[in-house]
């Protein structure tokens, strides 16, 4: 978790083997700030980890529950 809303979480996916000194690819899903979640896009982690990087798939609170300023922050 990184914020007060229960949706503000990050899933981390690691490649096999070494886990230190790896690049990190952060993926923030689209959805017009109103729909979808990281669960809808976790499939991208396979490509990232196969390339030898750590995949960080980010979820965030959505509108209209929160305002755009909260999402951007």
C-alpha atoms as a PDB file:
ATOM      1  CA  UNK A   1       0.000   0.000   0.000  1.00  0.00           C
ATOM      2  CA  UNK A   2       1.199   3.521  -0.708  1.00  0.00           C
ATOM      3  CA  UNK A   3      -1.833   5.666   0.196  1.00  0.00           C
ATOM      4  CA  UNK A   4      -4.911   5.850   2.407  1.00  0.00           C
ATOM      5  CA  UNK A   5      -7.395   4.440  -0.133  1.00  0.00           C
ATOM      6  CA  UNK A   6      -7.625   0.637  -0.202  1.00  0.00           C
ATOM      7  CA  UNK A   7      -7.044   0.698  -3.969  1.00  0.00           C
ATOM      8  CA  UNK A   8      -3.721   2.525  -3.668  1.00  0.00           C
ATOM      9  CA  UNK A   9      -1.476  -0.507  -3.966  1.00  0.00           C
ATOM     10  CA  UNK A  10       1.367  -1.811  -6.095  1.00  0.00           C
ATOM     11  CA  UNK A  11       1.933  -5.397  -7.222  1.00  0.00           C
ATOM     12  CA  UNK A  12       5.566  -6.362  -7.801  1.00  0.00           C
ATOM     13  CA  UNK A  13       6.621  -9.133 -10.174  1.00  0.00           C
ATOM     14  CA  UNK A  14      10.219 -10.356 -10.206  1.00  0.00           C
ATOM     15  CA  UNK A  15      12.151 -12.252 -12.863  1.00  0.00           C
ATOM     16  CA  UNK A  16      13.634 -15.605 -11.942  1.00  0.00           C
ATOM     17  CA  UNK A  17      17.082 -15.538 -10.392  1.00  0.00           C
ATOM     18  CA  UNK A  18      18.925 -12.415  -9.303  1.00  0.00           C
ATOM     19  CA  UNK A  19      16.786  -9.787  -7.545  1.00  0.00           C
ATOM     20  CA  UNK A  20      19.180  -6.932  -6.888  1.00  0.00           C
ATOM     21  CA  UNK A  21      20.371  -4.229  -9.250  1.00  0.00           C
ATOM     22  CA  UNK A  22      17.548  -4.873 -11.721  1.00  0.00           C
ATOM     23  CA  UNK A  23      15.729  -2.187 -13.701  1.00  0.00           C
ATOM     24  CA  UNK A  24      12.154  -1.452 -12.665  1.00  0.00           C
ATOM     25  CA  UNK A  25       9.327  -0.867 -15.128  1.00  0.00           C
ATOM     26  CA  UNK A  26       6.380   0.937 -13.519  1.00  0.00           C
ATOM     27  CA  UNK A  27       3.063   0.407 -15.309  1.00  0.00           C
ATOM     28  CA  UNK A  28       0.144   2.727 -14.498  1.00  0.00           C
ATOM     29  CA  UNK A  29      -3.032   1.534 -16.173  1.00  0.00           C
ATOM     30  CA  UNK A  30      -5.354   3.691 -18.227  1.00  0.00           C
ATOM     31  CA  UNK A  31      -9.128   3.877 -17.930  1.00  0.00           C
ATOM     32  CA  UNK A  32      -9.935   7.583 -18.043  1.00  0.00           C
ATOM     33  CA  UNK A  33      -9.312   7.717 -14.266  1.00  0.00           C
ATOM     34  CA  UNK A  34     -12.749   6.133 -13.813  1.00  0.00           C
ATOM     35  CA  UNK A  35     -12.427   2.400 -14.476  1.00  0.00           C
ATOM     36  CA  UNK A  36     -10.191  -0.666 -14.541  1.00  0.00           C
ATOM     37  CA  UNK A  37      -7.569  -1.744 -12.055  1.00  0.00           C
ATOM     38  CA  UNK A  38      -4.108  -3.239 -11.962  1.00  0.00           C
ATOM     39  CA  UNK A  39      -5.724  -6.694 -12.077  1.00  0.00           C
ATOM     40  CA  UNK A  40      -6.857  -5.955 -15.640  1.00  0.00           C
ATOM     41  CA  UNK A  41      -3.266  -5.323 -16.719  1.00  0.00           C
ATOM     42  CA  UNK A  42      -1.114  -7.668 -14.638  1.00  0.00           C
ATOM     43  CA  UNK A  43      -0.511  -9.732 -17.776  1.00  0.00           C
ATOM     44  CA  UNK A  44       2.086  -7.165 -18.900  1.00  0.00           C
ATOM     45  CA  UNK A  45       4.339  -8.328 -16.048  1.00  0.00           C
ATOM     46  CA  UNK A  46       5.262 -11.502 -17.947  1.00  0.00           C
ATOM     47  CA  UNK A  47       6.888  -9.563 -20.782  1.00  0.00           C
ATOM     48  CA  UNK A  48       8.714  -7.249 -18.376  1.00  0.00           C
ATOM     49  CA  UNK A  49      10.074 -10.008 -16.149  1.00  0.00           C
ATOM     50  CA  UNK A  50      11.107 -12.118 -19.157  1.00  0.00           C
ATOM     51  CA  UNK A  51      13.193  -9.131 -20.240  1.00  0.00           C
ATOM     52  CA  UNK A  52      14.955  -9.245 -16.851  1.00  0.00           C
ATOM     53  CA  UNK A  53      13.254  -6.315 -15.131  1.00  0.00           C
ATOM     54  CA  UNK A  54      11.005  -5.955 -12.105  1.00  0.00           C
ATOM     55  CA  UNK A  55       7.405  -5.084 -13.015  1.00  0.00           C
ATOM     56  CA  UNK A  56       5.593  -2.672 -10.709  1.00  0.00           C
ATOM     57  CA  UNK A  57       1.887  -2.601 -11.621  1.00  0.00           C
ATOM     58  CA  UNK A  58       0.204   0.359  -9.900  1.00  0.00           C
ATOM     59  CA  UNK A  59      -3.402   0.780  -8.833  1.00  0.00           C
ATOM     60  CA  UNK A  60      -4.951   4.064  -7.739  1.00  0.00           C
ATOM     61  CA  UNK A  61      -8.213   5.468  -6.391  1.00  0.00           C
ATOM     62  CA  UNK A  62     -10.675   6.317  -9.157  1.00  0.00           C
ATOM     63  CA  UNK A  63     -13.011   9.206  -9.892  1.00  0.00           C
ATOM     64  CA  UNK A  64     -15.613  10.139  -8.839  1.00  0.00           C
ATOM     65  CA  UNK A  65     -14.682   8.666  -5.430  1.00  0.00           C
ATOM     66  CA  UNK A  66     -11.644  10.966  -5.411  1.00  0.00           C
ATOM     67  CA  UNK A  67     -10.871  14.153  -7.315  1.00  0.00           C
ATOM     68  CA  UNK A  68      -8.341  14.391 -10.152  1.00  0.00           C
ATOM     69  CA  UNK A  69      -5.904  16.270  -7.881  1.00  0.00           C
ATOM     70  CA  UNK A  70      -5.802  13.214  -5.581  1.00  0.00           C
ATOM     71  CA  UNK A  71      -5.070  10.875  -8.483  1.00  0.00           C
ATOM     72  CA  UNK A  72      -2.295  13.087  -9.819  1.00  0.00           C
ATOM     73  CA  UNK A  73      -0.825  13.505  -6.357  1.00  0.00           C
END
